[in-house]
Protein backbone atom coordinates (compact mmCIF):
# COMPACT_ATOMS: atom_id res chain seq x y z
CA MET A 1 0.06 0.16 -0.05
CA LYS A 2 1.44 3.25 -1.17
CA LEU A 3 0.24 6.90 -0.05
CA GLY A 4 0.83 10.10 -1.34
CA ILE A 5 0.70 13.04 0.94
CA VAL A 6 -0.28 16.29 -0.52
CA GLY A 7 -1.49 19.86 0.11
CA LEU A 8 -0.31 23.50 -0.19
CA PRO A 9 2.82 24.40 1.17
CA ASN A 10 2.90 25.26 5.02
CA VAL A 11 -0.11 22.90 5.87
CA GLY A 12 1.95 20.77 7.86
CA LYS A 13 2.42 17.89 5.56
CA SER A 14 6.25 17.32 6.36
CA THR A 15 5.55 17.59 9.78
CA LEU A 16 2.92 14.68 9.61
CA PHE A 17 4.96 12.50 7.59
CA ASN A 18 8.01 13.06 10.11
CA SER A 19 5.58 12.17 13.04
CA LEU A 20 4.25 8.97 11.03
CA THR A 21 7.34 7.56 9.53
CA LYS A 22 10.18 9.18 11.75
CA GLY A 23 11.71 9.99 8.51
CA GLY A 24 13.29 13.24 9.42
CA ALA A 25 11.76 15.17 6.24
CA GLU A 26 12.92 18.91 6.51
CA ALA A 27 10.04 20.82 7.76
CA ALA A 28 10.37 24.50 7.53
CA ASN A 29 8.53 27.88 7.69
CA TYR A 30 8.79 28.48 3.55
CA PRO A 31 7.22 27.13 0.25
CA PHE A 32 8.99 24.38 -1.44
CA CYS A 33 10.96 23.41 1.69
CA THR A 34 10.51 19.71 0.18
CA ILE A 35 11.98 19.43 -3.55
CA ASN A 36 12.18 15.62 -3.70
CA PRO A 37 9.80 13.37 -2.54
CA ASN A 38 10.58 11.70 1.01
CA ILE A 39 9.60 8.16 1.23
CA GLY A 40 9.14 6.15 4.74
CA MET A 41 7.79 2.91 5.56
CA VAL A 42 5.34 2.66 8.61
CA VAL A 43 4.43 -0.47 10.84
CA VAL A 44 0.88 -1.05 10.69
CA PRO A 45 -0.30 -1.73 14.42
CA ASP A 46 -1.67 -4.87 15.17
CA GLU A 47 -2.03 -6.53 18.82
CA ARG A 48 -2.63 -10.04 17.12
CA LEU A 49 0.87 -10.52 16.64
CA GLY A 50 1.98 -9.68 20.13
CA VAL A 51 -0.84 -12.32 21.29
CA LEU A 52 0.24 -15.13 18.72
CA ALA A 53 4.14 -14.26 19.58
CA LYS A 54 3.49 -15.21 23.48
CA MET A 55 1.81 -18.38 22.21
CA TYR A 56 4.52 -19.55 19.82
CA HIS A 57 7.74 -17.43 20.68
CA PRO A 58 8.81 -17.22 17.11
CA LYS A 59 12.13 -15.91 16.20
CA LYS A 60 10.80 -12.62 14.96
CA MET A 61 7.32 -10.78 14.27
CA VAL A 62 6.81 -9.17 11.32
CA HIS A 63 4.11 -6.60 10.73
CA ALA A 64 2.44 -5.16 7.74
CA THR A 65 3.65 -1.84 6.40
CA ILE A 66 2.19 1.16 4.26
CA GLU A 67 5.08 3.21 2.30
CA PHE A 68 4.01 7.19 2.92
CA VAL A 69 5.40 9.55 0.13
CA ASP A 70 5.82 13.19 1.34
CA ILE A 71 4.98 15.14 -2.23
CA ALA A 72 5.99 18.87 -2.31
CA GLY A 73 3.61 21.51 -1.72
CA LEU A 74 1.45 22.38 -4.72
CA VAL A 75 0.36 25.58 -5.81
CA LYS A 76 -1.69 27.46 -8.09
CA GLY A 77 -0.07 26.71 -12.01
CA ALA A 78 1.64 23.32 -10.57
CA SER A 79 0.21 21.64 -13.80
CA LYS A 80 2.10 24.06 -15.76
CA GLY A 81 5.45 23.72 -13.80
CA GLU A 82 4.55 26.41 -11.17
CA GLY A 83 6.38 25.54 -8.12
CA LEU A 84 8.29 22.58 -9.83
CA GLY A 85 4.46 21.38 -9.94
CA ASN A 86 5.03 18.81 -12.92
CA GLN A 87 7.70 16.97 -11.43
CA PHE A 88 5.55 16.93 -8.06
CA LEU A 89 2.23 15.42 -9.77
CA ALA A 90 4.24 12.79 -11.43
CA ASN A 91 4.89 11.65 -7.90
CA ILE A 92 1.46 11.52 -7.27
CA ARG A 93 0.63 9.10 -9.93
CA GLU A 94 2.32 6.30 -8.46
CA VAL A 95 0.66 5.98 -5.26
CA ASP A 96 -2.61 4.20 -4.57
CA ALA A 97 -4.35 6.87 -2.65
CA ILE A 98 -3.74 10.51 -1.31
CA VAL A 99 -3.80 11.93 1.72
CA HIS A 100 -4.58 15.58 1.47
CA VAL A 101 -3.45 17.88 4.50
CA VAL A 102 -5.74 20.90 4.64
CA ARG A 103 -4.69 23.53 7.08
CA CYS A 104 -7.46 24.22 9.47
CA PHE A 105 -5.35 26.01 12.42
CA GLN A 106 -4.45 29.86 12.60
CA ASP A 107 -0.96 30.75 13.41
CA ASP A 108 0.91 34.06 12.40
CA ASN A 109 4.26 32.58 12.66
CA VAL A 110 3.74 30.01 9.86
CA VAL A 111 3.00 31.89 6.47
CA HIS A 112 -0.09 31.08 4.29
CA VAL A 113 0.85 30.81 0.41
CA ASP A 114 -2.33 32.58 -0.21
CA GLY A 115 -2.06 34.96 2.65
CA GLN A 116 -4.92 33.74 4.87
CA VAL A 117 -6.39 30.33 5.93
CA ASN A 118 -9.49 29.03 3.93
CA PRO A 119 -9.43 25.05 3.86
CA ILE A 120 -12.10 24.80 0.89
CA ARG A 121 -10.28 27.19 -1.39
CA ASP A 122 -7.04 25.34 -0.60
CA ILE A 123 -8.53 21.81 -1.57
CA GLU A 124 -9.93 23.31 -4.55
CA THR A 125 -6.95 24.85 -5.64
CA ILE A 126 -5.20 21.32 -5.48
CA GLN A 127 -7.99 19.72 -7.28
CA LEU A 128 -7.94 22.15 -10.23
CA GLU A 129 -4.23 21.34 -10.52
CA LEU A 130 -5.03 17.66 -10.70
CA ILE A 131 -7.85 18.38 -13.25
CA PHE A 132 -5.48 20.25 -15.30
CA SER A 133 -2.91 17.62 -15.22
CA ASP A 134 -5.33 14.81 -16.13
CA LEU A 135 -6.41 16.91 -19.07
CA GLU A 136 -3.00 17.03 -20.20
CA ILE A 137 -2.74 13.15 -20.10
CA LEU A 138 -5.90 13.03 -21.91
CA GLU A 139 -4.89 15.66 -24.58
CA ARG A 140 -2.08 13.41 -25.12
CA ARG A 141 -3.94 9.81 -25.51
CA ILE A 142 -6.67 11.25 -27.75
CA GLU A 143 -3.83 12.33 -30.02
CA LYS A 144 -2.15 8.99 -30.27
CA THR A 145 -5.78 7.22 -30.73
CA SER A 146 -6.70 9.41 -33.28
CA ARG A 147 -4.13 7.80 -35.07
CA LEU A 148 -5.12 4.35 -34.55
CA ILE A 149 -8.88 4.84 -35.64
CA ARG A 150 -8.37 4.02 -39.44
CA ASN A 151 -7.01 0.62 -38.73
CA ASP A 152 -8.07 -0.50 -35.57
CA LYS A 153 -12.01 -0.67 -35.07
CA LYS A 154 -11.71 -0.60 -31.10
CA ALA A 155 -9.90 2.81 -31.46
CA ALA A 156 -12.93 4.60 -32.46
CA LYS A 157 -14.78 3.66 -29.34
CA GLU A 158 -11.87 4.43 -27.16
CA LEU A 159 -11.69 7.84 -28.76
CA GLU A 160 -15.30 8.48 -27.68
CA LEU A 161 -14.37 7.73 -24.00
CA GLN A 162 -11.48 9.68 -24.11
CA LYS A 163 -13.39 12.57 -25.38
CA SER A 164 -16.33 11.94 -22.65
CA ILE A 165 -13.92 11.99 -19.89
CA LYS A 166 -11.98 14.84 -21.30
CA ALA A 167 -15.51 17.07 -21.61
CA HIS A 168 -16.31 15.82 -17.86
CA LEU A 169 -13.14 17.02 -16.69
CA GLU A 170 -13.26 20.36 -18.58
CA SER A 171 -16.79 20.86 -16.69
CA ASP A 172 -14.41 21.08 -13.38
CA GLN A 173 -15.62 17.52 -11.96
CA LEU A 174 -13.06 14.63 -11.01
CA ALA A 175 -12.68 11.33 -12.93
CA LYS A 176 -13.89 9.79 -10.00
CA THR A 177 -17.54 10.84 -10.73
CA PHE A 178 -17.40 9.64 -14.17
CA GLU A 179 -19.60 6.61 -15.22
CA VAL A 180 -17.94 3.98 -16.99
CA GLU A 181 -19.98 1.38 -18.59
CA GLY A 182 -18.80 -1.87 -19.85
CA ASP A 183 -15.75 -4.26 -19.16
CA GLU A 184 -13.42 -2.67 -22.01
CA GLU A 185 -14.10 0.58 -21.30
CA LYS A 186 -13.29 0.24 -17.48
CA LEU A 187 -9.92 -1.42 -18.78
CA TRP A 188 -9.16 1.47 -20.98
CA PHE A 189 -10.32 4.06 -18.17
CA ASN A 190 -8.00 2.41 -15.50
CA SER A 191 -5.18 2.36 -17.89
CA TYR A 192 -5.15 6.21 -17.85
CA ASN A 193 -4.19 6.42 -14.11
CA LEU A 194 -5.88 9.74 -13.58
CA LEU A 195 -5.14 11.67 -10.52
CA THR A 196 -8.52 12.77 -9.76
CA ASP A 197 -9.84 8.92 -9.87
CA LYS A 198 -7.66 8.01 -6.90
CA PRO A 199 -9.09 7.86 -3.66
CA VAL A 200 -8.59 10.81 -1.29
CA ILE A 201 -8.36 11.02 2.72
CA TYR A 202 -8.73 14.62 3.54
CA VAL A 203 -6.14 15.20 7.08
CA ALA A 204 -7.45 18.35 8.76
CA ASN A 205 -4.45 19.84 10.69
CA VAL A 206 -5.71 21.50 13.49
CA ALA A 207 -4.29 23.27 16.57
CA GLU A 208 -3.67 21.46 20.23
CA GLU A 209 -6.98 22.81 21.53
CA ASP A 210 -9.10 22.16 18.32
CA LEU A 211 -8.15 18.44 18.67
CA ILE A 212 -8.62 18.36 22.52
CA SER A 213 -12.33 20.04 22.07
CA ASP A 214 -13.25 17.09 19.77
CA GLY A 215 -12.79 19.57 16.73
CA ASN A 216 -15.41 22.14 17.27
CA ASN A 217 -13.81 24.31 14.83
CA PRO A 218 -16.12 25.75 11.92
CA GLU A 219 -13.20 25.02 9.40
CA ILE A 220 -13.21 21.40 9.94
CA GLU A 221 -16.94 21.34 9.55
CA LYS A 222 -16.43 22.93 6.19
CA VAL A 223 -13.89 20.26 5.12
CA LYS A 224 -16.38 17.23 6.69
CA ILE A 225 -19.40 18.59 4.31
CA TYR A 226 -17.07 18.97 1.24
CA ALA A 227 -15.71 15.82 1.73
CA LYS A 228 -18.96 13.98 2.46
CA GLU A 229 -20.20 15.31 -0.96
CA GLU A 230 -17.71 13.72 -2.65
CA GLN A 231 -17.38 10.41 -0.33
CA SER A 232 -14.44 10.98 0.97
CA GLU A 233 -13.15 10.41 4.54
CA VAL A 234 -11.93 13.03 6.88
CA ILE A 235 -9.66 12.32 9.91
CA VAL A 236 -8.85 15.29 12.54
CA VAL A 237 -5.13 15.44 13.44
CA CYS A 238 -2.71 17.70 15.37
CA ALA A 239 0.47 17.63 13.47
CA ARG A 240 2.23 19.09 16.35
CA ILE A 241 0.94 16.54 18.84
CA GLU A 242 2.21 13.57 16.28
CA GLU A 243 5.29 15.24 16.80
CA GLU A 244 5.71 15.28 20.23
CA LEU A 245 4.39 11.29 20.66
CA LEU A 246 7.98 10.57 18.75
CA GLU A 247 9.68 11.29 21.82
CA LEU A 248 7.42 8.96 24.33
CA SER A 249 7.91 5.52 24.85
CA GLU A 250 4.80 3.39 24.57
CA GLU A 251 3.75 3.62 28.03
CA GLU A 252 4.20 7.38 28.09
CA LYS A 253 2.29 7.62 25.00
CA VAL A 254 -1.02 6.11 26.27
CA GLU A 255 -0.77 8.23 29.41
CA PHE A 256 -0.14 11.30 27.52
CA LEU A 257 -3.22 10.84 25.12
CA GLU A 258 -5.51 9.60 27.86
CA ASP A 259 -4.69 13.16 29.56
CA LEU A 260 -5.67 14.77 26.19
CA GLY A 261 -8.71 12.70 26.24
CA ILE A 262 -7.97 11.19 23.02
CA GLU A 263 -8.63 7.72 22.07
CA GLU A 264 -6.04 6.82 19.36
CA SER A 265 -2.96 8.97 17.85
CA GLY A 266 -3.17 10.25 14.32
CA LEU A 267 -0.93 7.66 12.79
CA GLU A 268 -3.50 5.05 14.05
CA LYS A 269 -6.67 6.73 12.69
CA LEU A 270 -5.01 7.58 9.40
CA ILE A 271 -3.90 3.73 8.90
CA LYS A 272 -7.59 2.18 9.80
CA ALA A 273 -9.13 4.96 7.34
CA SER A 274 -6.27 4.07 4.91
CA TYR A 275 -7.19 0.33 5.23
CA ASP A 276 -10.93 1.00 4.60
CA LEU A 277 -10.48 3.59 1.86
CA LEU A 278 -8.82 0.59 0.07
CA GLY A 279 -11.01 -2.18 0.78
CA CYS A 280 -7.54 -3.90 2.66
CA PHE A 281 -6.97 -6.25 5.61
CA SER A 282 -4.19 -8.64 7.10
CA PHE A 283 -4.16 -12.17 7.40
CA LEU A 284 -1.58 -13.95 9.31
CA THR A 285 0.29 -16.76 9.24
CA ILE A 286 2.29 -18.58 12.16
CA GLY A 287 5.52 -20.47 12.47
CA ASP A 288 8.80 -21.30 14.60
CA ASP A 289 10.67 -18.76 12.20
CA GLU A 290 7.99 -15.93 12.19
CA ILE A 291 4.40 -14.78 12.90
CA ARG A 292 3.66 -12.39 10.11
CA ALA A 293 0.61 -9.90 8.90
CA TRP A 294 0.21 -9.88 5.13
CA THR A 295 -1.92 -6.97 3.62
CA ILE A 296 -4.61 -8.20 1.20
CA LYS A 297 -7.59 -6.67 -0.68
CA ALA A 298 -11.26 -8.05 0.76
CA GLY A 299 -12.37 -10.37 -1.98
CA THR A 300 -9.05 -12.01 -2.39
CA LYS A 301 -8.87 -15.87 -2.92
CA ALA A 302 -6.49 -18.12 -1.15
CA PRO A 303 -3.95 -18.94 -4.13
CA ARG A 304 -3.58 -15.29 -4.43
CA ALA A 305 -3.11 -14.51 -0.70
CA ALA A 306 -0.39 -17.31 -0.95
CA GLY A 307 1.27 -15.60 -3.67
CA LYS A 308 1.68 -12.52 -1.52
CA ILE A 309 4.12 -14.86 0.38
CA HIS A 310 5.56 -16.50 -2.36
CA THR A 311 4.75 -16.84 -6.53
CA ASP A 312 5.80 -20.69 -5.85
CA PHE A 313 2.59 -20.79 -3.23
CA GLU A 314 0.35 -19.59 -5.88
CA ARG A 315 1.56 -21.62 -8.47
CA GLY A 316 1.24 -24.98 -6.58
CA PHE A 317 -1.33 -24.26 -4.36
CA ILE A 318 -3.05 -27.24 -3.01
CA ARG A 319 -5.24 -25.91 -0.07
CA ALA A 320 -5.57 -23.57 2.80
CA GLU A 321 -5.41 -24.69 6.53
CA THR A 322 -7.28 -21.71 8.04
CA VAL A 323 -8.27 -21.10 11.64
CA ASN A 324 -10.11 -17.82 13.01
CA TYR A 325 -7.70 -16.14 14.99
CA GLN A 326 -10.07 -15.56 18.20
CA ASP A 327 -10.89 -19.38 18.15
CA LEU A 328 -7.28 -20.20 18.08
CA VAL A 329 -6.23 -17.56 20.97
CA ASP A 330 -9.28 -18.89 22.78
CA CYS A 331 -8.25 -22.66 22.36
CA ASP A 332 -4.29 -21.57 23.23
CA SER A 333 -3.06 -24.23 21.36
CA TYR A 334 -3.47 -24.97 17.44
CA ASN A 335 -4.02 -28.89 18.17
CA VAL A 336 -6.56 -27.96 20.56
CA ALA A 337 -8.34 -26.16 17.80
CA ARG A 338 -7.76 -29.16 15.61
CA THR A 339 -9.27 -31.41 18.24
CA LYS A 340 -12.32 -29.05 18.56
CA GLY A 341 -12.81 -28.96 14.50
CA LEU A 342 -12.10 -25.33 14.39
CA ILE A 343 -9.39 -26.05 11.96
CA ARG A 344 -10.65 -25.92 8.34
CA LEU A 345 -9.21 -26.95 4.82
CA GLU A 346 -10.20 -24.41 2.46
CA GLY A 347 -9.73 -24.80 -1.51
CA LYS A 348 -9.23 -22.26 -4.68
CA GLU A 349 -12.08 -20.80 -4.49
CA TYR A 350 -11.95 -19.73 -0.82
CA VAL A 351 -12.16 -16.12 0.08
CA VAL A 352 -9.92 -14.91 2.76
CA GLN A 353 -11.61 -13.33 5.65
CA PRO A 354 -10.30 -10.97 8.18
CA GLY A 355 -9.19 -12.65 11.26
CA ASP A 356 -7.90 -15.85 9.07
CA VAL A 357 -5.07 -17.53 10.30
CA ILE A 358 -3.33 -19.50 7.66
CA GLN A 359 -1.20 -21.93 6.69
CA PHE A 360 -0.59 -22.62 2.75
CA ARG A 361 -0.03 -26.27 1.32
CA PHE A 362 1.37 -26.19 -1.85
CA ASN A 363 3.67 -28.26 -4.36
CA VAL A 364 5.87 -27.14 -7.07
């Protein structure tokens, strides 16, 4: 899973990235502080691994991870190269989803690129640049497809689709709201990898007092209303608090959050939102060498899940020996779970479920 953190300059992107990944990205009070994208891996918290580790005492425990990319601040005109915009937009095309950081705090000591805080204007500035970039991609595609229609019957059909998408974008609408009909058209549409088709999580970056007061901030409400209309999610985070949490032990973090009246950190909220957004979850594997979480999409069948571990597992898949995590913990032993008939042998058509602990049988 790869997520790109975007937003205007000085909205708290790099501060948030640092707190998520401990990556040490430079965070300073001037535009375009981030020039090249910063990349960091984040461990996905999973209490189940710790519980299983106490049962099995493996040599190592491996969590699932999410890759975050901190992309430099975009400004009006980015699609035409303003502020090195083209380079940054190219980086966004490589991610699975976009984490759009929106400034919802007032601070005279942190300059705003447009002079004042206005989250909806800021969101629309970014979105407009993404639309412009998508239009540029489509114009190139249309030019290429137009040359093929004489010798390719399908090209004429695809050209019609491309022109329809272009008209949709030109009316300031996002690609994700374009209705695609037909399997072939969906394949073409997906191949364009349009920026405005990517799922988005809005991160409302607030002052500490707003986070503690449960987000009673009119700017946050504006972002929530805007996001609801496009069926996106909003999480409220104080990047400064997340930064402070970096210096604390796990016990101190829990105490600090409790003192603030906050149930979970911004990192935990963002990871949960990311998994939900992309329809993902983790299944578990156990062994003497390691206990590990593997991230897959909901609806993944057993052979494909096995392929996450090794391509040989998928190629030579025989069956999946599966037990529910909670059943395994309640039995406190794999053998007891087997005796109680809780171990299932699943075939190639089995769809892996959240909470599955699996041992794959294969032969190559």
